[in-house]
Amino acid sequence: MEPRTADGCFLGDVGFWVERTPVHEAAQRGETRQLQQLIESGACVNQVTVDSITPLHAASLQGQAQCVQLLLAAGAQVDARNIDGSTPLCDACASGSVECVKLLLSYGAKVNPPLYTASPLHEACMSGSSECVRLLIDVGANLEAHDCHFGTPLHVACAREHLDCVKVLLNAALSSWRKPQELLLPDAEGGFEGAAAGANVNAAKLHETALHHAAKVKNVDLIEMLVQFGGDIYARDNRGRKPSDYARSSSAPARCLEHYEKTPLTLSQLCRVSLRRATGVRGLEKIAKLNIPARLIEYLSYN
């Protein structure tokens, strides 16, 4: 099925798209009383601007949860696309509004809409909202969704230096909302939601990994986190460069990367990486149930 954009409304005898309507303005500004009056007077909640932005897009992008609620209750198209293909859920994630995200999901918004651009999870990682990231993962967001410009959500979180989001992605366990017998069944969009124990730390965009991004932004904490989760310090991008090649000589990031190139991870660290990979689906849940000391469970869970 082709992605659906919002329908234009007919004003008078001619159907056309406008720059902005009073509904758009009220929704964006959070003017709930005015929006309610407009809806009650019969204003179209799915009117689109020339770039296919609906009032629901406008409210979601500004994190106006009450307006989002009013629009959805009045029949706003929850998965309407703007000219870039983004849905209101993408915009809510871009704003970092957990409340808007919850509302849209409760009305059936697709967590993995078929996009060639940034997914809702990409947008949440860009905004740095680890709570939105966690919420999306809990309902089955694709951790390896690939954007033609940004790569995976992990690439985005690393490029923006959102360490909390990075850790949530890497530590993500399969959400509990799907039944075990559903794990190998494709979703309505043909994908396999929630079938990973965590984001692939070595996923590549043009052979460029998250560790390359960490080196470029010169973030030592990020470099150390990625290496601890199994990041490949020897990975080469399409220019044949390793992460260390992007760090300025003698800088803290360069010294950190050089240390890991010369000093392998300890046996306990290697075992942790191997065990996490071996446990696969529901990895964290399986680790938590092991009959071992709590301190070891915390270590294996990267706590």
C-alpha atoms as a PDB file:
ATOM      1  CA  MET A   1       0.000   0.000   0.000  1.00  0.00           C
ATOM      2  CA  GLU A   2       1.294   3.466  -0.921  1.00  0.00           C
ATOM      3  CA  PRO A   3       2.053   5.851   1.969  1.00  0.00           C
ATOM      4  CA  ARG A   4      -0.917   8.090   2.560  1.00  0.00           C
ATOM      5  CA  THR A   5      -0.746  11.851   2.795  1.00  0.00           C
ATOM      6  CA  ALA A   6      -3.397  13.945   4.445  1.00  0.00           C
ATOM      7  CA  ASP A   7      -6.406  14.849   2.345  1.00  0.00           C
ATOM      8  CA  GLY A   8      -7.018  18.478   1.399  1.00  0.00           C
ATOM      9  CA  CYS A   9     -10.314  20.025   2.475  1.00  0.00           C
ATOM     10  CA  PHE A  10     -12.650  21.869   0.119  1.00  0.00           C
ATOM     11  CA  LEU A  11     -13.248  25.501   0.935  1.00  0.00           C
ATOM     12  CA  GLY A  12     -16.088  26.977  -1.084  1.00  0.00           C
ATOM     13  CA  ASP A  13     -16.267  25.507  -4.583  1.00  0.00           C
ATOM     14  CA  VAL A  14     -12.546  24.948  -5.023  1.00  0.00           C
ATOM     15  CA  GLY A  15     -10.354  22.394  -3.285  1.00  0.00           C
ATOM     16  CA  PHE A  16      -6.924  23.760  -2.492  1.00  0.00           C
ATOM     17  CA  TRP A  17      -4.081  23.765  -0.019  1.00  0.00           C
ATOM     18  CA  VAL A  18      -3.357  26.826   2.070  1.00  0.00           C
ATOM     19  CA  GLU A  19      -0.319  28.183   3.856  1.00  0.00           C
ATOM     20  CA  ARG A  20      -1.797  27.896   7.339  1.00  0.00           C
ATOM     21  CA  THR A  21      -5.290  27.790   8.802  1.00  0.00           C
ATOM     22  CA  PRO A  22      -6.555  28.992  12.185  1.00  0.00           C
ATOM     23  CA  VAL A  23      -6.570  25.310  13.182  1.00  0.00           C
ATOM     24  CA  HIS A  24      -2.855  25.054  12.401  1.00  0.00           C
ATOM     25  CA  GLU A  25      -2.132  28.212  14.379  1.00  0.00           C
ATOM     26  CA  ALA A  26      -4.151  27.163  17.422  1.00  0.00           C
ATOM     27  CA  ALA A  27      -2.641  23.675  17.390  1.00  0.00           C
ATOM     28  CA  GLN A  28       0.919  24.946  17.139  1.00  0.00           C
ATOM     29  CA  ARG A  29       0.488  27.555  19.881  1.00  0.00           C
ATOM     30  CA  GLY A  30      -1.306  25.236  22.271  1.00  0.00           C
ATOM     31  CA  GLU A  31      -4.477  27.330  22.300  1.00  0.00           C
ATOM     32  CA  THR A  32      -6.788  24.514  23.347  1.00  0.00           C
ATOM     33  CA  ARG A  33      -9.919  26.614  23.895  1.00  0.00           C
ATOM     34  CA  GLN A  34      -9.682  28.219  20.468  1.00  0.00           C
ATOM     35  CA  LEU A  35      -8.919  24.853  18.865  1.00  0.00           C
ATOM     36  CA  GLN A  36     -11.931  23.275  20.553  1.00  0.00           C
ATOM     37  CA  GLN A  37     -14.171  26.084  19.290  1.00  0.00           C
ATOM     38  CA  LEU A  38     -12.844  25.697  15.757  1.00  0.00           C
ATOM     39  CA  ILE A  39     -13.464  21.953  15.822  1.00  0.00           C
ATOM     40  CA  GLU A  40     -16.990  22.416  17.183  1.00  0.00           C
ATOM     41  CA  SER A  41     -17.713  24.951  14.437  1.00  0.00           C
ATOM     42  CA  GLY A  42     -16.814  22.354  11.805  1.00  0.00           C
ATOM     43  CA  ALA A  43     -13.256  23.322  10.900  1.00  0.00           C
ATOM     44  CA  CYS A  44     -11.343  20.635   9.015  1.00  0.00           C
ATOM     45  CA  VAL A  45      -8.698  18.992  11.212  1.00  0.00           C
ATOM     46  CA  ASN A  46      -6.987  17.395   8.210  1.00  0.00           C
ATOM     47  CA  GLN A  47      -6.414  20.564   6.179  1.00  0.00           C
ATOM     48  CA  VAL A  48      -2.892  20.535   4.759  1.00  0.00           C
ATOM     49  CA  THR A  49      -0.480  23.323   3.905  1.00  0.00           C
ATOM     50  CA  VAL A  50       1.448  23.461   0.629  1.00  0.00           C
ATOM     51  CA  ASP A  51       4.072  21.168   2.196  1.00  0.00           C
ATOM     52  CA  SER A  52       1.417  18.728   3.453  1.00  0.00           C
ATOM     53  CA  ILE A  53       1.672  19.724   7.115  1.00  0.00           C
ATOM     54  CA  THR A  54      -1.500  18.988   9.050  1.00  0.00           C
ATOM     55  CA  PRO A  55      -2.547  20.600  12.331  1.00  0.00           C
ATOM     56  CA  LEU A  56      -1.541  17.324  14.006  1.00  0.00           C
ATOM     57  CA  HIS A  57       1.982  17.703  12.617  1.00  0.00           C
ATOM     58  CA  ALA A  58       2.104  21.271  13.927  1.00  0.00           C
ATOM     59  CA  ALA A  59       0.898  20.339  17.412  1.00  0.00           C
ATOM     60  CA  SER A  60       3.181  17.314  17.638  1.00  0.00           C
ATOM     61  CA  LEU A  61       6.278  19.251  16.605  1.00  0.00           C
ATOM     62  CA  GLN A  62       5.655  21.785  19.371  1.00  0.00           C
ATOM     63  CA  GLY A  63       4.828  19.132  21.970  1.00  0.00           C
ATOM     64  CA  GLN A  64       1.293  20.452  22.467  1.00  0.00           C
ATOM     65  CA  ALA A  65      -0.190  17.314  24.015  1.00  0.00           C
ATOM     66  CA  GLN A  66      -3.657  18.721  24.771  1.00  0.00           C
ATOM     67  CA  CYS A  67      -4.035  19.903  21.194  1.00  0.00           C
ATOM     68  CA  VAL A  68      -2.821  16.542  19.917  1.00  0.00           C
ATOM     69  CA  GLN A  69      -5.522  14.885  22.025  1.00  0.00           C
ATOM     70  CA  LEU A  70      -8.239  17.204  20.680  1.00  0.00           C
ATOM     71  CA  LEU A  71      -7.199  16.674  17.073  1.00  0.00           C
ATOM     72  CA  LEU A  72      -7.001  12.902  17.360  1.00  0.00           C
ATOM     73  CA  ALA A  73     -10.407  12.756  19.042  1.00  0.00           C
ATOM     74  CA  ALA A  74     -11.786  14.861  16.179  1.00  0.00           C
ATOM     75  CA  GLY A  75     -10.540  12.429  13.548  1.00  0.00           C
ATOM     76  CA  ALA A  76      -7.108  13.729  12.599  1.00  0.00           C
ATOM     77  CA  GLN A  77      -5.167  11.269  10.428  1.00  0.00           C
ATOM     78  CA  VAL A  78      -2.624   9.800  12.819  1.00  0.00           C
ATOM     79  CA  ASP A  79      -0.155   8.693  10.130  1.00  0.00           C
ATOM     80  CA  ALA A  80      -0.515  11.627   7.732  1.00  0.00           C
ATOM     81  CA  ARG A  81       2.671  12.377   5.767  1.00  0.00           C
ATOM     82  CA  ASN A  82       4.163  15.797   5.153  1.00  0.00           C
ATOM     83  CA  ILE A  83       6.166  16.632   2.036  1.00  0.00           C
ATOM     84  CA  ASP A  84       9.244  14.933   3.533  1.00  0.00           C
ATOM     85  CA  GLY A  85       7.283  11.800   4.385  1.00  0.00           C
ATOM     86  CA  SER A  86       7.379  12.436   8.135  1.00  0.00           C
ATOM     87  CA  THR A  87       4.415  11.487  10.304  1.00  0.00           C
ATOM     88  CA  PRO A  88       3.146  13.282  13.426  1.00  0.00           C
ATOM     89  CA  LEU A  89       4.920  10.602  15.495  1.00  0.00           C
ATOM     90  CA  CYS A  90       8.214  11.619  13.868  1.00  0.00           C
ATOM     91  CA  ASP A  91       7.506  15.223  14.833  1.00  0.00           C
ATOM     92  CA  ALA A  92       6.508  14.331  18.394  1.00  0.00           C
ATOM     93  CA  CYS A  93       9.777  12.442  18.786  1.00  0.00           C
ATOM     94  CA  ALA A  94      11.676  15.398  17.341  1.00  0.00           C
ATOM     95  CA  SER A  95      10.120  17.597  20.027  1.00  0.00           C
ATOM     96  CA  GLY A  96      11.002  15.073  22.730  1.00  0.00           C
ATOM     97  CA  SER A  97       7.419  15.065  24.008  1.00  0.00           C
ATOM     98  CA  VAL A  98       6.799  11.718  25.683  1.00  0.00           C
ATOM     99  CA  GLU A  99       3.157  12.626  26.301  1.00  0.00           C
ATOM    100  CA  CYS A 100       2.534  13.333  22.607  1.00  0.00           C
ATOM    101  CA  VAL A 101       4.304  10.128  21.634  1.00  0.00           C
ATOM    102  CA  LYS A 102       2.108   8.117  24.008  1.00  0.00           C
ATOM    103  CA  LEU A 103      -1.063   9.746  22.667  1.00  0.00           C
ATOM    104  CA  LEU A 104      -0.172   9.076  19.039  1.00  0.00           C
ATOM    105  CA  LEU A 105       0.750   5.469  19.753  1.00  0.00           C
ATOM    106  CA  SER A 106      -2.516   4.974  21.643  1.00  0.00           C
ATOM    107  CA  TYR A 107      -4.369   6.053  18.490  1.00  0.00           C
ATOM    108  CA  GLY A 108      -2.490   3.529  16.364  1.00  0.00           C
ATOM    109  CA  ALA A 109       0.451   5.517  15.005  1.00  0.00           C
ATOM    110  CA  LYS A 110       2.947   3.249  13.249  1.00  0.00           C
ATOM    111  CA  VAL A 111       6.207   3.017  15.167  1.00  0.00           C
ATOM    112  CA  ASN A 112       7.972   1.790  12.009  1.00  0.00           C
ATOM    113  CA  PRO A 113       6.350   3.682   9.128  1.00  0.00           C
ATOM    114  CA  PRO A 114       7.854   2.791   5.735  1.00  0.00           C
ATOM    115  CA  LEU A 115      10.252   5.710   5.274  1.00  0.00           C
ATOM    116  CA  TYR A 116      13.429   6.372   3.332  1.00  0.00           C
ATOM    117  CA  THR A 117      14.233   9.204   5.698  1.00  0.00           C
ATOM    118  CA  ALA A 118      14.421   9.480   9.480  1.00  0.00           C
ATOM    119  CA  SER A 119      12.147   7.137  11.443  1.00  0.00           C
ATOM    120  CA  PRO A 120      10.512   8.122  14.742  1.00  0.00           C
ATOM    121  CA  LEU A 121      13.426   6.424  16.529  1.00  0.00           C
ATOM    122  CA  HIS A 122      15.937   8.466  14.521  1.00  0.00           C
ATOM    123  CA  GLU A 123      14.078  11.642  15.490  1.00  0.00           C
ATOM    124  CA  ALA A 124      14.026  10.684  19.169  1.00  0.00           C
ATOM    125  CA  CYS A 125      17.777  10.093  19.048  1.00  0.00           C
ATOM    126  CA  MET A 126      18.312  13.453  17.380  1.00  0.00           C
ATOM    127  CA  SER A 127      16.319  15.231  20.078  1.00  0.00           C
ATOM    128  CA  GLY A 128      18.216  13.397  22.810  1.00  0.00           C
ATOM    129  CA  SER A 129      15.085  12.142  24.554  1.00  0.00           C
ATOM    130  CA  SER A 130      16.158   8.828  26.054  1.00  0.00           C
ATOM    131  CA  GLU A 131      12.643   8.409  27.471  1.00  0.00           C
ATOM    132  CA  CYS A 132      11.130   8.624  23.981  1.00  0.00           C
ATOM    133  CA  VAL A 133      13.795   6.221  22.709  1.00  0.00           C
ATOM    134  CA  ARG A 134      12.944   3.736  25.448  1.00  0.00           C
ATOM    135  CA  LEU A 135       9.205   4.089  24.812  1.00  0.00           C
ATOM    136  CA  LEU A 136       9.593   3.447  21.086  1.00  0.00           C
ATOM    137  CA  ILE A 137      11.780   0.405  21.689  1.00  0.00           C
ATOM    138  CA  ASP A 138       9.216  -0.950  24.150  1.00  0.00           C
ATOM    139  CA  VAL A 139       6.569  -0.966  21.409  1.00  0.00           C
ATOM    140  CA  GLY A 140       8.805  -2.546  18.785  1.00  0.00           C
ATOM    141  CA  ALA A 141      10.797   0.211  17.071  1.00  0.00           C
ATOM    142  CA  ASN A 142      13.311  -1.145  14.576  1.00  0.00           C
ATOM    143  CA  LEU A 143      16.759  -0.582  16.098  1.00  0.00           C
ATOM    144  CA  GLU A 144      18.427  -1.019  12.714  1.00  0.00           C
ATOM    145  CA  ALA A 145      16.153   1.262  10.687  1.00  0.00           C
ATOM    146  CA  HIS A 146      18.413   2.817   8.052  1.00  0.00           C
ATOM    147  CA  ASP A 147      18.138   6.417   6.960  1.00  0.00           C
ATOM    148  CA  CYS A 148      19.844   7.279   3.673  1.00  0.00           C
ATOM    149  CA  HIS A 149      21.475  10.342   5.251  1.00  0.00           C
ATOM    150  CA  PHE A 150      22.068   9.408   8.883  1.00  0.00           C
ATOM    151  CA  GLY A 151      22.443   5.625   8.971  1.00  0.00           C
ATOM    152  CA  THR A 152      20.953   3.837  11.995  1.00  0.00           C
ATOM    153  CA  PRO A 153      19.512   5.457  15.141  1.00  0.00           C
ATOM    154  CA  LEU A 154      22.782   4.554  16.882  1.00  0.00           C
ATOM    155  CA  HIS A 155      24.727   6.579  14.303  1.00  0.00           C
ATOM    156  CA  VAL A 156      22.452   9.544  15.001  1.00  0.00           C
ATOM    157  CA  ALA A 157      22.731   9.305  18.785  1.00  0.00           C
ATOM    158  CA  CYS A 158      26.525   9.112  18.549  1.00  0.00           C
ATOM    159  CA  ALA A 159      26.824  11.982  16.079  1.00  0.00           C
ATOM    160  CA  ARG A 160      24.709  14.139  18.430  1.00  0.00           C
ATOM    161  CA  GLU A 161      26.617  12.894  21.507  1.00  0.00           C
ATOM    162  CA  HIS A 162      23.475  11.781  23.334  1.00  0.00           C
ATOM    163  CA  LEU A 163      25.100   9.210  25.616  1.00  0.00           C
ATOM    164  CA  ASP A 164      21.873   8.311  27.442  1.00  0.00           C
ATOM    165  CA  CYS A 165      20.230   7.438  24.127  1.00  0.00           C
ATOM    166  CA  VAL A 166      23.279   5.455  23.040  1.00  0.00           C
ATOM    167  CA  LYS A 167      23.180   3.337  26.176  1.00  0.00           C
ATOM    168  CA  VAL A 168      19.431   2.718  25.859  1.00  0.00           C
ATOM    169  CA  LEU A 169      19.929   1.563  22.261  1.00  0.00           C
ATOM    170  CA  LEU A 170      22.855  -0.714  23.060  1.00  0.00           C
ATOM    171  CA  ASN A 171      21.195  -2.150  26.137  1.00  0.00           C
ATOM    172  CA  ALA A 172      17.798  -2.593  24.529  1.00  0.00           C
ATOM    173  CA  ALA A 173      16.091  -5.887  25.270  1.00  0.00           C
ATOM    174  CA  LEU A 174      13.176  -7.279  23.379  1.00  0.00           C
ATOM    175  CA  SER A 175      10.018  -5.574  24.518  1.00  0.00           C
ATOM    176  CA  SER A 176       7.487  -7.680  26.361  1.00  0.00           C
ATOM    177  CA  TRP A 177       4.483  -6.573  24.317  1.00  0.00           C
ATOM    178  CA  ARG A 178       4.849  -9.387  21.769  1.00  0.00           C
ATOM    179  CA  LYS A 179       4.109 -12.990  22.622  1.00  0.00           C
ATOM    180  CA  PRO A 180       6.926 -15.565  22.215  1.00  0.00           C
ATOM    181  CA  GLN A 181       5.133 -17.281  19.329  1.00  0.00           C
ATOM    182  CA  GLU A 182       5.040 -13.942  17.483  1.00  0.00           C
ATOM    183  CA  LEU A 183       8.784 -13.384  17.513  1.00  0.00           C
ATOM    184  CA  LEU A 184       9.361 -14.963  14.112  1.00  0.00           C
ATOM    185  CA  LEU A 185       6.215 -13.581  12.511  1.00  0.00           C
ATOM    186  CA  PRO A 186       6.519 -10.485  10.291  1.00  0.00           C
ATOM    187  CA  ASP A 187       4.552  -7.425  11.293  1.00  0.00           C
ATOM    188  CA  ALA A 188       1.999  -5.754   9.025  1.00  0.00           C
ATOM    189  CA  GLU A 189       4.771  -3.908   7.219  1.00  0.00           C
ATOM    190  CA  GLY A 190       6.823  -7.022   6.497  1.00  0.00           C
ATOM    191  CA  GLY A 191       9.461  -6.383   9.137  1.00  0.00           C
ATOM    192  CA  PHE A 192      10.434  -8.302  12.242  1.00  0.00           C
ATOM    193  CA  GLU A 193       9.910  -5.847  15.053  1.00  0.00           C
ATOM    194  CA  GLY A 194      11.691  -6.218  18.332  1.00  0.00           C
ATOM    195  CA  ALA A 195      13.818  -9.179  17.273  1.00  0.00           C
ATOM    196  CA  ALA A 196      17.124  -7.865  18.557  1.00  0.00           C
ATOM    197  CA  ALA A 197      18.767  -7.856  21.950  1.00  0.00           C
ATOM    198  CA  GLY A 198      20.226  -4.407  21.331  1.00  0.00           C
ATOM    199  CA  ALA A 199      21.407  -2.090  18.585  1.00  0.00           C
ATOM    200  CA  ASN A 200      24.250  -3.451  16.466  1.00  0.00           C
ATOM    201  CA  VAL A 201      27.262  -1.519  17.746  1.00  0.00           C
ATOM    202  CA  ASN A 202      29.131  -2.190  14.491  1.00  0.00           C
ATOM    203  CA  ALA A 203      26.339  -1.327  12.066  1.00  0.00           C
ATOM    204  CA  ALA A 204      27.811   0.606   9.152  1.00  0.00           C
ATOM    205  CA  LYS A 205      26.766   3.495   6.945  1.00  0.00           C
ATOM    206  CA  LEU A 206      29.178   3.605   3.992  1.00  0.00           C
ATOM    207  CA  HIS A 207      31.347   1.360   6.177  1.00  0.00           C
ATOM    208  CA  GLU A 208      31.303   4.088   8.841  1.00  0.00           C
ATOM    209  CA  THR A 209      30.440   2.811  12.323  1.00  0.00           C
ATOM    210  CA  ALA A 210      29.216   4.549  15.453  1.00  0.00           C
ATOM    211  CA  LEU A 211      32.802   4.481  16.696  1.00  0.00           C
ATOM    212  CA  HIS A 212      33.871   6.573  13.704  1.00  0.00           C
ATOM    213  CA  HIS A 213      31.246   9.142  14.742  1.00  0.00           C
ATOM    214  CA  ALA A 214      32.463   9.082  18.336  1.00  0.00           C
ATOM    215  CA  ALA A 215      36.009   9.776  17.165  1.00  0.00           C
ATOM    216  CA  LYS A 216      34.862  12.621  14.928  1.00  0.00           C
ATOM    217  CA  VAL A 217      32.987  14.353  17.763  1.00  0.00           C
ATOM    218  CA  LYS A 218      35.983  13.772  20.064  1.00  0.00           C
ATOM    219  CA  ASN A 219      33.917  12.248  22.873  1.00  0.00           C
ATOM    220  CA  VAL A 220      36.020   9.955  25.073  1.00  0.00           C
ATOM    221  CA  ASP A 221      33.070   8.747  27.183  1.00  0.00           C
ATOM    222  CA  LEU A 222      31.245   7.743  24.025  1.00  0.00           C
ATOM    223  CA  ILE A 223      34.299   5.969  22.626  1.00  0.00           C
ATOM    224  CA  GLU A 224      34.741   3.988  25.842  1.00  0.00           C
ATOM    225  CA  MET A 225      31.057   3.026  25.959  1.00  0.00           C
ATOM    226  CA  LEU A 226      31.055   1.744  22.383  1.00  0.00           C
ATOM    227  CA  VAL A 227      34.256  -0.255  22.893  1.00  0.00           C
ATOM    228  CA  GLN A 228      32.845  -1.803  26.076  1.00  0.00           C
ATOM    229  CA  PHE A 229      29.820  -2.931  24.063  1.00  0.00           C
ATOM    230  CA  GLY A 230      32.044  -4.553  21.448  1.00  0.00           C
ATOM    231  CA  GLY A 231      32.741  -1.695  19.043  1.00  0.00           C
ATOM    232  CA  ASP A 232      35.382  -2.625  16.459  1.00  0.00           C
ATOM    233  CA  ILE A 233      38.275  -0.175  16.797  1.00  0.00           C
ATOM    234  CA  TYR A 234      39.839  -1.550  13.604  1.00  0.00           C
ATOM    235  CA  ALA A 235      36.758  -1.020  11.398  1.00  0.00           C
ATOM    236  CA  ARG A 236      37.543   0.970   8.263  1.00  0.00           C
ATOM    237  CA  ASP A 237      35.141   3.282   6.476  1.00  0.00           C
ATOM    238  CA  ASN A 238      34.813   3.782   2.713  1.00  0.00           C
ATOM    239  CA  ARG A 239      37.942   5.953   2.824  1.00  0.00           C
ATOM    240  CA  GLY A 240      39.920   3.179   4.464  1.00  0.00           C
ATOM    241  CA  ARG A 241      40.151   5.034   7.776  1.00  0.00           C
ATOM    242  CA  LYS A 242      39.893   3.616  11.283  1.00  0.00           C
ATOM    243  CA  PRO A 243      38.211   5.595  14.101  1.00  0.00           C
ATOM    244  CA  SER A 244      41.654   6.580  15.426  1.00  0.00           C
ATOM    245  CA  ASP A 245      42.446   8.223  12.086  1.00  0.00           C
ATOM    246  CA  TYR A 246      39.798  10.853  12.855  1.00  0.00           C
ATOM    247  CA  ALA A 247      41.208  11.803  16.246  1.00  0.00           C
ATOM    248  CA  ARG A 248      43.730  14.619  16.463  1.00  0.00           C
ATOM    249  CA  SER A 249      47.167  13.349  17.405  1.00  0.00           C
ATOM    250  CA  SER A 250      47.901  13.432  21.158  1.00  0.00           C
ATOM    251  CA  SER A 251      44.307  14.433  21.980  1.00  0.00           C
ATOM    252  CA  ALA A 252      42.344  12.572  24.661  1.00  0.00           C
ATOM    253  CA  PRO A 253      40.231  10.671  22.066  1.00  0.00           C
ATOM    254  CA  ALA A 254      43.400   9.693  20.175  1.00  0.00           C
ATOM    255  CA  ARG A 255      45.057   8.420  23.343  1.00  0.00           C
ATOM    256  CA  CYS A 256      41.908   6.491  24.258  1.00  0.00           C
ATOM    257  CA  LEU A 257      41.689   4.797  20.861  1.00  0.00           C
ATOM    258  CA  GLU A 258      45.414   4.081  20.772  1.00  0.00           C
ATOM    259  CA  HIS A 259      45.106   2.468  24.200  1.00  0.00           C
ATOM    260  CA  TYR A 260      42.384   0.101  22.981  1.00  0.00           C
ATOM    261  CA  GLU A 261      44.337  -0.669  19.803  1.00  0.00           C
ATOM    262  CA  LYS A 262      47.358  -1.692  21.854  1.00  0.00           C
ATOM    263  CA  THR A 263      45.540  -3.173  24.859  1.00  0.00           C
ATOM    264  CA  PRO A 264      42.855  -5.816  24.232  1.00  0.00           C
ATOM    265  CA  LEU A 265      39.749  -5.928  26.373  1.00  0.00           C
ATOM    266  CA  THR A 266      40.132  -7.985  29.525  1.00  0.00           C
ATOM    267  CA  LEU A 267      38.882 -11.556  29.587  1.00  0.00           C
ATOM    268  CA  SER A 268      35.898 -10.519  31.713  1.00  0.00           C
ATOM    269  CA  GLN A 269      35.004  -7.769  29.236  1.00  0.00           C
ATOM    270  CA  LEU A 270      35.311 -10.131  26.272  1.00  0.00           C
ATOM    271  CA  CYS A 271      33.148 -12.688  28.059  1.00  0.00           C
ATOM    272  CA  ARG A 272      30.520 -10.037  28.700  1.00  0.00           C
ATOM    273  CA  VAL A 273      30.397  -9.059  25.032  1.00  0.00           C
ATOM    274  CA  SER A 274      30.260 -12.714  23.938  1.00  0.00           C
ATOM    275  CA  LEU A 275      27.558 -13.597  26.452  1.00  0.00           C
ATOM    276  CA  ARG A 276      25.419 -10.647  25.434  1.00  0.00           C
ATOM    277  CA  ARG A 277      25.692 -11.677  21.793  1.00  0.00           C
ATOM    278  CA  ALA A 278      24.955 -15.314  22.585  1.00  0.00           C
ATOM    279  CA  THR A 279      21.836 -14.572  24.646  1.00  0.00           C
ATOM    280  CA  GLY A 280      20.312 -12.710  21.708  1.00  0.00           C
ATOM    281  CA  VAL A 281      16.591 -12.094  22.003  1.00  0.00           C
ATOM    282  CA  ARG A 282      15.540 -11.201  25.543  1.00  0.00           C
ATOM    283  CA  GLY A 283      19.213 -11.060  26.474  1.00  0.00           C
ATOM    284  CA  LEU A 284      18.795  -8.834  29.510  1.00  0.00           C
ATOM    285  CA  GLU A 285      15.868 -10.852  30.816  1.00  0.00           C
ATOM    286  CA  LYS A 286      17.849 -14.083  30.517  1.00  0.00           C
ATOM    287  CA  ILE A 287      20.845 -12.576  32.282  1.00  0.00           C
ATOM    288  CA  ALA A 288      18.670 -11.307  35.129  1.00  0.00           C
ATOM    289  CA  LYS A 289      17.428 -14.863  35.761  1.00  0.00           C
ATOM    290  CA  LEU A 290      20.864 -16.483  35.922  1.00  0.00           C
ATOM    291  CA  ASN A 291      21.755 -18.170  39.193  1.00  0.00           C
ATOM    292  CA  ILE A 292      24.817 -16.009  39.766  1.00  0.00           C
ATOM    293  CA  PRO A 293      25.691 -13.207  42.205  1.00  0.00           C
ATOM    294  CA  ALA A 294      23.810  -9.938  41.736  1.00  0.00           C
ATOM    295  CA  ARG A 295      27.093  -8.124  41.192  1.00  0.00           C
ATOM    296  CA  LEU A 296      27.813 -10.271  38.142  1.00  0.00           C
ATOM    297  CA  ILE A 297      24.320  -9.664  36.791  1.00  0.00           C
ATOM    298  CA  GLU A 298      24.883  -5.916  37.100  1.00  0.00           C
ATOM    299  CA  TYR A 299      28.219  -6.226  35.322  1.00  0.00           C
ATOM    300  CA  LEU A 300      26.742  -8.245  32.464  1.00  0.00           C
ATOM    301  CA  SER A 301      23.914  -5.713  32.189  1.00  0.00           C
ATOM    302  CA  TYR A 302      26.384  -2.810  31.977  1.00  0.00           C
ATOM    303  CA  ASN A 303      24.935  -1.245  35.118  1.00  0.00           C
END
